Each structure stands twice: as C-alpha cells, then as structure tokens.
C-alpha cells in the first residue's frame, strides 16, 4: 500500500528523531524513500521549520529535527494513541 505525503513526512521526522542527524543516503534507506522524492520532501520540511541542514566538515551535510519538528512528532504520537481502535481486546493503530 502506498504511503501518503503526510505519512512520508512523519516517517522522515521519526527516523531523524530516533537516529539523530543523518546524511541523505541514510534517511533514504531508513525511511524507505526514493532519493529524488526525499530531496523534495526534505526541502519542504526545511521550509516548514521542521528540520535543518547542518554542515559537517567541508563537503558533508546532515539533516536533523528542529525543536518544532520534535513537537510535531510528539503530536502525531499522541494522536496515534488517541485514535487507536480496540478489536478483540487488541489495540490496533490507525494509520495517519
């Protein structure tokens, strides 16, 4: 099943929240996103103030969540808990 843009944005933010600052190739593999699409999504997240680019050394760049990005992740985690559906005594998460 194909993920929505929102789900992909949240996946990228989650990867950065769990792993810390990462290079684009590492985000690509951890979030399972095509490189060209990932670049587009990273630019969007930067413009929204959710992530930032950080220079490492002379030619390397990593991406990291901002404080606002961390707050968005917390919001989605709380929303996911609130929208969980119970079925046969099991709690099933509702997709974003």
PDB file of N, CA and C in Angstrom:
ATOM      1  N   UNK A   1       0.825  -1.175   0.000  1.00  0.00           N
ATOM      2  CA  UNK A   1       0.000   0.000   0.000  1.00  0.00           C
ATOM      3  C   UNK A   1       0.879   1.251   0.000  1.00  0.00           C
ATOM      4  N   UNK A   2       0.517   2.205  -0.782  1.00  0.00           N
ATOM      5  CA  UNK A   2       1.298   3.419  -0.956  1.00  0.00           C
ATOM      6  C   UNK A   2       1.068   4.390   0.201  1.00  0.00           C
ATOM      7  N   UNK A   3       2.141   5.025   0.655  1.00  0.00           N
ATOM      8  CA  UNK A   3       2.044   5.995   1.743  1.00  0.00           C
ATOM      9  C   UNK A   3       1.668   7.366   1.206  1.00  0.00           C
ATOM     10  N   UNK A   4       0.934   8.106   1.997  1.00  0.00           N
ATOM     11  CA  UNK A   4       0.599   9.481   1.639  1.00  0.00           C
ATOM     12  C   UNK A   4       1.810  10.374   1.907  1.00  0.00           C
ATOM     13  N   UNK A   5       1.753  11.595   1.401  1.00  0.00           N
ATOM     14  CA  UNK A   5       2.837  12.545   1.666  1.00  0.00           C
ATOM     15  C   UNK A   5       2.983  12.775   3.160  1.00  0.00           C
ATOM     16  N   UNK A   6       1.869  12.931   3.837  1.00  0.00           N
ATOM     17  CA  UNK A   6       1.903  13.160   5.281  1.00  0.00           C
ATOM     18  C   UNK A   6       2.597  12.007   5.997  1.00  0.00           C
ATOM     19  N   UNK A   7       2.262  10.781   5.630  1.00  0.00           N
ATOM     20  CA  UNK A   7       2.895   9.616   6.244  1.00  0.00           C
ATOM     21  C   UNK A   7       4.400   9.613   5.975  1.00  0.00           C
ATOM     22  N   UNK A   8       4.794  10.006   4.787  1.00  0.00           N
ATOM     23  CA  UNK A   8       6.218  10.033   4.457  1.00  0.00           C
ATOM     24  C   UNK A   8       6.938  11.141   5.232  1.00  0.00           C
ATOM     25  N   UNK A   9       6.289  12.310   5.371  1.00  0.00           N
ATOM     26  CA  UNK A   9       6.880  13.383   6.177  1.00  0.00           C
ATOM     27  C   UNK A   9       7.085  12.918   7.615  1.00  0.00           C
ATOM     28  N   UNK A  10       6.079  12.281   8.163  1.00  0.00           N
ATOM     29  CA  UNK A  10       6.155  11.794   9.544  1.00  0.00           C
ATOM     30  C   UNK A  10       7.216  10.704   9.663  1.00  0.00           C
ATOM     31  N   UNK A  11       7.311   9.816   8.687  1.00  0.00           N
ATOM     32  CA  UNK A  11       8.346   8.775   8.704  1.00  0.00           C
ATOM     33  C   UNK A  11       9.741   9.388   8.710  1.00  0.00           C
ATOM     34  N   UNK A  12       9.957  10.404   7.910  1.00  0.00           N
ATOM     35  CA  UNK A  12      11.260  11.084   7.853  1.00  0.00           C
ATOM     36  C   UNK A  12      11.566  11.722   9.204  1.00  0.00           C
ATOM     37  N   UNK A  13      10.589  12.423   9.773  1.00  0.00           N
ATOM     38  CA  UNK A  13      10.786  13.047  11.083  1.00  0.00           C
ATOM     39  C   UNK A  13      11.057  11.998  12.155  1.00  0.00           C
ATOM     40  N   UNK A  14      10.361  10.868  12.093  1.00  0.00           N
ATOM     41  CA  UNK A  14      10.586   9.781  13.056  1.00  0.00           C
ATOM     42  C   UNK A  14      11.993   9.211  12.942  1.00  0.00           C
ATOM     43  N   UNK A  15      12.460   9.015  11.729  1.00  0.00           N
ATOM     44  CA  UNK A  15      13.815   8.489  11.523  1.00  0.00           C
ATOM     45  C   UNK A  15      14.837   9.435  12.145  1.00  0.00           C
ATOM     46  N   UNK A  16      14.675  10.719  11.894  1.00  0.00           N
ATOM     47  CA  UNK A  16      15.612  11.700  12.452  1.00  0.00           C
ATOM     48  C   UNK A  16      15.486  11.793  13.970  1.00  0.00           C
ATOM     49  N   UNK A  17      14.286  11.620  14.502  1.00  0.00           N
ATOM     50  CA  UNK A  17      14.095  11.650  15.952  1.00  0.00           C
ATOM     51  C   UNK A  17      14.768  10.452  16.617  1.00  0.00           C
ATOM     52  N   UNK A  18      14.697   9.292  15.965  1.00  0.00           N
ATOM     53  CA  UNK A  18      15.259   8.074  16.540  1.00  0.00           C
ATOM     54  C   UNK A  18      16.765   7.968  16.347  1.00  0.00           C
ATOM     55  N   UNK A  19      17.251   8.418  15.204  1.00  0.00           N
ATOM     56  CA  UNK A  19      18.659   8.207  14.851  1.00  0.00           C
ATOM     57  C   UNK A  19      19.540   9.428  15.009  1.00  0.00           C
ATOM     58  N   UNK A  20      18.950  10.603  15.160  1.00  0.00           N
ATOM     59  CA  UNK A  20      19.742  11.831  15.241  1.00  0.00           C
ATOM     60  C   UNK A  20      20.085  12.331  13.854  1.00  0.00           C
ATOM     61  N   UNK A  21      20.979  13.316  13.758  1.00  0.00           N
ATOM     62  CA  UNK A  21      21.343  13.873  12.445  1.00  0.00           C
ATOM     63  C   UNK A  21      21.886  12.799  11.507  1.00  0.00           C
ATOM     64  N   UNK A  22      21.377  12.796  10.267  1.00  0.00           N
ATOM     65  CA  UNK A  22      21.773  11.779   9.281  1.00  0.00           C
ATOM     66  C   UNK A  22      22.035  12.397   7.916  1.00  0.00           C
ATOM     67  N   UNK A  23      22.886  11.722   7.161  1.00  0.00           N
ATOM     68  CA  UNK A  23      23.091  12.084   5.762  1.00  0.00           C
ATOM     69  C   UNK A  23      21.880  11.640   4.955  1.00  0.00           C
ATOM     70  N   UNK A  24      21.728  12.231   3.794  1.00  0.00           N
ATOM     71  CA  UNK A  24      20.560  11.948   2.954  1.00  0.00           C
ATOM     72  C   UNK A  24      20.455  10.460   2.605  1.00  0.00           C
ATOM     73  N   UNK A  25      21.575   9.813   2.345  1.00  0.00           N
ATOM     74  CA  UNK A  25      21.528   8.390   1.978  1.00  0.00           C
ATOM     75  C   UNK A  25      21.009   7.529   3.120  1.00  0.00           C
ATOM     76  N   UNK A  26      21.370   7.876   4.351  1.00  0.00           N
ATOM     77  CA  UNK A  26      20.896   7.110   5.498  1.00  0.00           C
ATOM     78  C   UNK A  26      19.398   7.321   5.717  1.00  0.00           C
ATOM     79  N   UNK A  27      18.937   8.548   5.533  1.00  0.00           N
ATOM     80  CA  UNK A  27      17.499   8.824   5.658  1.00  0.00           C
ATOM     81  C   UNK A  27      16.745   8.040   4.590  1.00  0.00           C
ATOM     82  N   UNK A  28      17.298   8.035   3.385  1.00  0.00           N
ATOM     83  CA  UNK A  28      16.674   7.348   2.255  1.00  0.00           C
ATOM     84  C   UNK A  28      16.422   5.872   2.586  1.00  0.00           C
ATOM     85  N   UNK A  29      17.407   5.199   3.145  1.00  0.00           N
ATOM     86  CA  UNK A  29      17.264   3.780   3.455  1.00  0.00           C
ATOM     87  C   UNK A  29      16.373   3.541   4.676  1.00  0.00           C
ATOM     88  N   UNK A  30      16.550   4.345   5.719  1.00  0.00           N
ATOM     89  CA  UNK A  30      15.775   4.146   6.954  1.00  0.00           C
ATOM     90  C   UNK A  30      14.289   4.474   6.759  1.00  0.00           C
ATOM     91  N   UNK A  31      13.985   5.509   5.952  1.00  0.00           N
ATOM     92  CA  UNK A  31      12.591   5.904   5.731  1.00  0.00           C
ATOM     93  C   UNK A  31      11.996   5.244   4.490  1.00  0.00           C
ATOM     94  N   UNK A  32      12.831   4.534   3.737  1.00  0.00           N
ATOM     95  CA  UNK A  32      12.391   3.848   2.523  1.00  0.00           C
ATOM     96  C   UNK A  32      11.736   4.820   1.525  1.00  0.00           C
ATOM     97  N   UNK A  33      12.521   5.833   1.138  1.00  0.00           N
ATOM     98  CA  UNK A  33      12.041   6.866   0.222  1.00  0.00           C
ATOM     99  C   UNK A  33      13.044   7.014  -0.918  1.00  0.00           C
ATOM    100  N   UNK A  34      12.527   7.134  -2.129  1.00  0.00           N
ATOM    101  CA  UNK A  34      13.331   7.370  -3.321  1.00  0.00           C
ATOM    102  C   UNK A  34      14.135   8.665  -3.144  1.00  0.00           C
ATOM    103  N   UNK A  35      15.365   8.693  -3.617  1.00  0.00           N
ATOM    104  CA  UNK A  35      16.268   9.833  -3.420  1.00  0.00           C
ATOM    105  C   UNK A  35      15.681  11.141  -3.955  1.00  0.00           C
ATOM    106  N   UNK A  36      15.150  11.144  -5.171  1.00  0.00           N
ATOM    107  CA  UNK A  36      14.613  12.377  -5.754  1.00  0.00           C
ATOM    108  C   UNK A  36      13.408  12.883  -4.966  1.00  0.00           C
ATOM    109  N   UNK A  37      12.547  11.981  -4.555  1.00  0.00           N
ATOM    110  CA  UNK A  37      11.390  12.365  -3.759  1.00  0.00           C
ATOM    111  C   UNK A  37      11.842  12.844  -2.387  1.00  0.00           C
ATOM    112  N   UNK A  38      12.826  12.164  -1.812  1.00  0.00           N
ATOM    113  CA  UNK A  38      13.331  12.552  -0.497  1.00  0.00           C
ATOM    114  C   UNK A  38      13.867  13.980  -0.523  1.00  0.00           C
ATOM    115  N   UNK A  39      14.605  14.345  -1.554  1.00  0.00           N
ATOM    116  CA  UNK A  39      15.135  15.714  -1.650  1.00  0.00           C
ATOM    117  C   UNK A  39      13.998  16.733  -1.649  1.00  0.00           C
ATOM    118  N   UNK A  40      12.943  16.434  -2.386  1.00  0.00           N
ATOM    119  CA  UNK A  40      11.766  17.319  -2.437  1.00  0.00           C
ATOM    120  C   UNK A  40      11.130  17.435  -1.049  1.00  0.00           C
ATOM    121  N   UNK A  41      10.981  16.299  -0.360  1.00  0.00           N
ATOM    122  CA  UNK A  41      10.355  16.293   0.961  1.00  0.00           C
ATOM    123  C   UNK A  41      11.234  16.979   2.003  1.00  0.00           C
ATOM    124  N   UNK A  42      12.549  16.785   1.915  1.00  0.00           N
ATOM    125  CA  UNK A  42      13.450  17.461   2.841  1.00  0.00           C
ATOM    126  C   UNK A  42      13.358  18.975   2.668  1.00  0.00           C
ATOM    127  N   UNK A  43      13.303  19.436   1.415  1.00  0.00           N
ATOM    128  CA  UNK A  43      13.169  20.878   1.167  1.00  0.00           C
ATOM    129  C   UNK A  43      11.875  21.416   1.770  1.00  0.00           C
ATOM    130  N   UNK A  44      10.783  20.670   1.633  1.00  0.00           N
ATOM    131  CA  UNK A  44       9.507  21.071   2.214  1.00  0.00           C
ATOM    132  C   UNK A  44       9.619  21.165   3.738  1.00  0.00           C
ATOM    133  N   UNK A  45      10.206  20.131   4.359  1.00  0.00           N
ATOM    134  CA  UNK A  45      10.330  20.108   5.813  1.00  0.00           C
ATOM    135  C   UNK A  45      11.235  21.234   6.318  1.00  0.00           C
ATOM    136  N   UNK A  46      12.258  21.583   5.546  1.00  0.00           N
ATOM    137  CA  UNK A  46      13.134  22.707   5.903  1.00  0.00           C
ATOM    138  C   UNK A  46      12.341  24.009   5.845  1.00  0.00           C
ATOM    139  N   UNK A  47      11.578  24.206   4.778  1.00  0.00           N
ATOM    140  CA  UNK A  47      10.777  25.427   4.630  1.00  0.00           C
ATOM    141  C   UNK A  47       9.748  25.566   5.740  1.00  0.00           C
ATOM    142  N   UNK A  48       9.250  24.447   6.249  1.00  0.00           N
ATOM    143  CA  UNK A  48       8.269  24.467   7.330  1.00  0.00           C
ATOM    144  C   UNK A  48       8.927  24.630   8.705  1.00  0.00           C
ATOM    145  N   UNK A  49      10.253  24.600   8.738  1.00  0.00           N
ATOM    146  CA  UNK A  49      10.975  24.761  10.002  1.00  0.00           C
ATOM    147  C   UNK A  49      10.972  23.513  10.866  1.00  0.00           C
ATOM    148  N   UNK A  50      10.752  22.345  10.244  1.00  0.00           N
ATOM    149  CA  UNK A  50      10.694  21.088  10.992  1.00  0.00           C
ATOM    150  C   UNK A  50      12.031  20.367  11.053  1.00  0.00           C
ATOM    151  N   UNK A  51      12.874  20.584  10.048  1.00  0.00           N
ATOM    152  CA  UNK A  51      14.230  20.030  10.049  1.00  0.00           C
ATOM    153  C   UNK A  51      15.195  21.121   9.612  1.00  0.00           C
ATOM    154  N   UNK A  52      16.481  20.851   9.814  1.00  0.00           N
ATOM    155  CA  UNK A  52      17.510  21.796   9.382  1.00  0.00           C
ATOM    156  C   UNK A  52      18.690  21.053   8.778  1.00  0.00           C
ATOM    157  N   UNK A  53      19.380  21.738   7.891  1.00  0.00           N
ATOM    158  CA  UNK A  53      20.627  21.210   7.325  1.00  0.00           C
ATOM    159  C   UNK A  53      21.775  21.663   8.213  1.00  0.00           C
ATOM    160  N   UNK A  54      22.707  20.760   8.435  1.00  0.00           N
ATOM    161  CA  UNK A  54      23.902  21.093   9.206  1.00  0.00           C
ATOM    162  C   UNK A  54      25.128  20.671   8.414  1.00  0.00           C
ATOM    163  N   UNK A  55      26.070  21.586   8.298  1.00  0.00           N
ATOM    164  CA  UNK A  55      27.322  21.274   7.610  1.00  0.00           C
ATOM    165  C   UNK A  55      28.217  20.487   8.554  1.00  0.00           C
ATOM    166  N   UNK A  56      28.805  19.410   8.003  1.00  0.00           N
ATOM    167  CA  UNK A  56      29.747  18.590   8.754  1.00  0.00           C
ATOM    168  C   UNK A  56      31.000  18.511   7.908  1.00  0.00           C
ATOM    169  N   UNK A  57      32.060  19.089   8.389  1.00  0.00           N
ATOM    170  CA  UNK A  57      33.276  19.127   7.595  1.00  0.00           C
ATOM    171  C   UNK A  57      33.115  20.090   6.432  1.00  0.00           C
ATOM    172  N   UNK A  58      33.910  19.874   5.393  1.00  0.00           N
ATOM    173  CA  UNK A  58      33.908  20.789   4.251  1.00  0.00           C
ATOM    174  C   UNK A  58      32.817  20.484   3.239  1.00  0.00           C
ATOM    175  N   UNK A  59      32.497  19.222   3.040  1.00  0.00           N
ATOM    176  CA  UNK A  59      31.577  18.888   1.950  1.00  0.00           C
ATOM    177  C   UNK A  59      30.384  18.014   2.349  1.00  0.00           C
ATOM    178  N   UNK A  60      30.238  17.743   3.615  1.00  0.00           N
ATOM    179  CA  UNK A  60      29.181  16.844   4.040  1.00  0.00           C
ATOM    180  C   UNK A  60      28.050  17.617   4.725  1.00  0.00           C
ATOM    181  N   UNK A  61      26.820  17.148   4.494  1.00  0.00           N
ATOM    182  CA  UNK A  61      25.632  17.768   5.080  1.00  0.00           C
ATOM    183  C   UNK A  61      24.800  16.683   5.746  1.00  0.00           C
ATOM    184  N   UNK A  62      24.305  16.989   6.940  1.00  0.00           N
ATOM    185  CA  UNK A  62      23.373  16.094   7.620  1.00  0.00           C
ATOM    186  C   UNK A  62      22.088  16.871   7.885  1.00  0.00           C
ATOM    187  N   UNK A  63      21.026  16.125   8.132  1.00  0.00           N
ATOM    188  CA  UNK A  63      19.717  16.713   8.411  1.00  0.00           C
ATOM    189  C   UNK A  63      19.308  16.308   9.821  1.00  0.00           C
ATOM    190  N   UNK A  64      18.688  17.253  10.540  1.00  0.00           N
ATOM    191  CA  UNK A  64      18.268  16.991  11.915  1.00  0.00           C
ATOM    192  C   UNK A  64      16.937  17.675  12.186  1.00  0.00           C
ATOM    193  N   UNK A  65      16.171  17.114  13.106  1.00  0.00           N
ATOM    194  CA  UNK A  65      14.921  17.731  13.522  1.00  0.00           C
ATOM    195  C   UNK A  65      15.204  19.016  14.278  1.00  0.00           C
ATOM    196  N   UNK A  66      14.331  19.985  14.112  1.00  0.00           N
ATOM    197  CA  UNK A  66      14.360  21.192  14.932  1.00  0.00           C
ATOM    198  C   UNK A  66      13.467  20.937  16.144  1.00  0.00           C
ATOM    199  N   UNK A  67      13.413  21.900  17.045  1.00  0.00           N
ATOM    200  CA  UNK A  67      12.515  21.781  18.199  1.00  0.00           C
ATOM    201  C   UNK A  67      11.070  21.670  17.718  1.00  0.00           C
ATOM    202  N   UNK A  68      10.741  22.412  16.680  1.00  0.00           N
ATOM    203  CA  UNK A  68       9.377  22.356  16.123  1.00  0.00           C
ATOM    204  C   UNK A  68       9.096  20.972  15.524  1.00  0.00           C
ATOM    205  N   UNK A  69      10.076  20.390  14.854  1.00  0.00           N
ATOM    206  CA  UNK A  69       9.929  19.046  14.294  1.00  0.00           C
ATOM    207  C   UNK A  69       9.697  18.011  15.379  1.00  0.00           C
ATOM    208  N   UNK A  70      10.391  18.158  16.501  1.00  0.00           N
ATOM    209  CA  UNK A  70      10.215  17.251  17.631  1.00  0.00           C
ATOM    210  C   UNK A  70       8.809  17.382  18.206  1.00  0.00           C
ATOM    211  N   UNK A  71       8.295  18.596  18.279  1.00  0.00           N
ATOM    212  CA  UNK A  71       6.932  18.816  18.775  1.00  0.00           C
ATOM    213  C   UNK A  71       5.906  18.171  17.848  1.00  0.00           C
ATOM    214  N   UNK A  72       6.130  18.249  16.550  1.00  0.00           N
ATOM    215  CA  UNK A  72       5.217  17.638  15.581  1.00  0.00           C
ATOM    216  C   UNK A  72       5.197  16.121  15.765  1.00  0.00           C
ATOM    217  N   UNK A  73       6.354  15.520  15.972  1.00  0.00           N
ATOM    218  CA  UNK A  73       6.430  14.073  16.208  1.00  0.00           C
ATOM    219  C   UNK A  73       5.650  13.701  17.470  1.00  0.00           C
ATOM    220  N   UNK A  74       5.818  14.474  18.540  1.00  0.00           N
ATOM    221  CA  UNK A  74       5.083  14.208  19.780  1.00  0.00           C
ATOM    222  C   UNK A  74       3.577  14.288  19.528  1.00  0.00           C
ATOM    223  N   UNK A  75       3.156  15.283  18.772  1.00  0.00           N
ATOM    224  CA  UNK A  75       1.739  15.452  18.454  1.00  0.00           C
ATOM    225  C   UNK A  75       1.201  14.225  17.716  1.00  0.00           C
ATOM    226  N   UNK A  76       1.923  13.753  16.703  1.00  0.00           N
ATOM    227  CA  UNK A  76       1.458  12.601  15.934  1.00  0.00           C
ATOM    228  C   UNK A  76       1.439  11.326  16.769  1.00  0.00           C
ATOM    229  N   UNK A  77       2.372  11.178  17.684  1.00  0.00           N
ATOM    230  CA  UNK A  77       2.366  10.005  18.569  1.00  0.00           C
ATOM    231  C   UNK A  77       1.145  10.037  19.486  1.00  0.00           C
ATOM    232  N   UNK A  78       0.836  11.209  20.030  1.00  0.00           N
ATOM    233  CA  UNK A  78      -0.340  11.341  20.888  1.00  0.00           C
ATOM    234  C   UNK A  78      -1.621  11.119  20.085  1.00  0.00           C
ATOM    235  N   UNK A  79      -1.658  11.645  18.881  1.00  0.00           N
ATOM    236  CA  UNK A  79      -2.816  11.463  18.017  1.00  0.00           C
ATOM    237  C   UNK A  79      -3.013   9.994  17.683  1.00  0.00           C
ATOM    238  N   UNK A  80      -1.928   9.306  17.396  1.00  0.00           N
ATOM    239  CA  UNK A  80      -1.985   7.878  17.085  1.00  0.00           C
ATOM    240  C   UNK A  80      -2.553   7.093  18.266  1.00  0.00           C
ATOM    241  N   UNK A  81      -2.124   7.428  19.482  1.00  0.00           N
ATOM    242  CA  UNK A  81      -2.650   6.764  20.681  1.00  0.00           C
ATOM    243  C   UNK A  81      -4.135   7.060  20.856  1.00  0.00           C
ATOM    244  N   UNK A  82      -4.517   8.301  20.652  1.00  0.00           N
ATOM    245  CA  UNK A  82      -5.913   8.705  20.847  1.00  0.00           C
ATOM    246  C   UNK A  82      -6.844   8.053  19.835  1.00  0.00           C
ATOM    247  N   UNK A  83      -6.350   7.795  18.642  1.00  0.00           N
ATOM    248  CA  UNK A  83      -7.180   7.235  17.585  1.00  0.00           C
ATOM    249  C   UNK A  83      -7.078   5.721  17.464  1.00  0.00           C
ATOM    250  N   UNK A  84      -6.356   5.093  18.371  1.00  0.00           N
ATOM    251  CA  UNK A  84      -6.227   3.634  18.332  1.00  0.00           C
ATOM    252  C   UNK A  84      -7.595   2.992  18.490  1.00  0.00           C
ATOM    253  N   UNK A  85      -7.811   1.922  17.731  1.00  0.00           N
ATOM    254  CA  UNK A  85      -9.085   1.210  17.733  1.00  0.00           C
ATOM    255  C   UNK A  85      -8.899  -0.124  18.443  1.00  0.00           C
ATOM    256  N   UNK A  86      -9.834  -0.439  19.345  1.00  0.00           N
ATOM    257  CA  UNK A  86      -9.759  -1.727  20.032  1.00  0.00           C
ATOM    258  C   UNK A  86     -10.576  -2.760  19.264  1.00  0.00           C
ATOM    259  N   UNK A  87      -9.974  -3.935  19.088  1.00  0.00           N
ATOM    260  CA  UNK A  87     -10.653  -5.030  18.404  1.00  0.00           C
ATOM    261  C   UNK A  87     -10.233  -6.325  19.069  1.00  0.00           C
ATOM    262  N   UNK A  88     -11.199  -7.069  19.605  1.00  0.00           N
ATOM    263  CA  UNK A  88     -10.931  -8.343  20.296  1.00  0.00           C
ATOM    264  C   UNK A  88      -9.891  -8.184  21.404  1.00  0.00           C
ATOM    265  N   UNK A  89      -9.962  -7.077  22.139  1.00  0.00           N
ATOM    266  CA  UNK A  89      -9.030  -6.867  23.247  1.00  0.00           C
ATOM    267  C   UNK A  89      -7.665  -6.367  22.800  1.00  0.00           C
ATOM    268  N   UNK A  90      -7.435  -6.251  21.506  1.00  0.00           N
ATOM    269  CA  UNK A  90      -6.159  -5.769  20.990  1.00  0.00           C
ATOM    270  C   UNK A  90      -6.322  -4.322  20.531  1.00  0.00           C
ATOM    271  N   UNK A  91      -5.286  -3.552  20.699  1.00  0.00           N
ATOM    272  CA  UNK A  91      -5.327  -2.171  20.231  1.00  0.00           C
ATOM    273  C   UNK A  91      -4.637  -2.123  18.872  1.00  0.00           C
ATOM    274  N   UNK A  92      -5.360  -1.679  17.874  1.00  0.00           N
ATOM    275  CA  UNK A  92      -4.822  -1.575  16.525  1.00  0.00           C
ATOM    276  C   UNK A  92      -4.613  -0.112  16.182  1.00  0.00           C
ATOM    277  N   UNK A  93      -3.396   0.294  15.819  1.00  0.00           N
ATOM    278  CA  UNK A  93      -3.152   1.684  15.485  1.00  0.00           C
ATOM    279  C   UNK A  93      -3.850   2.061  14.186  1.00  0.00           C
ATOM    280  N   UNK A  94      -4.359   3.272  14.160  1.00  0.00           N
ATOM    281  CA  UNK A  94      -4.988   3.803  12.956  1.00  0.00           C
ATOM    282  C   UNK A  94      -3.913   4.507  12.153  1.00  0.00           C
ATOM    283  N   UNK A  95      -3.804   4.244  10.836  1.00  0.00           N
ATOM    284  CA  UNK A  95      -2.790   4.923  10.031  1.00  0.00           C
ATOM    285  C   UNK A  95      -2.993   6.429  10.066  1.00  0.00           C
ATOM    286  N   UNK A  96      -1.943   7.187   9.929  1.00  0.00           N
ATOM    287  CA  UNK A  96      -2.004   8.650   9.963  1.00  0.00           C
ATOM    288  C   UNK A  96      -3.056   9.083   9.007  1.00  0.00           C
TER     289      UNK A  96
END
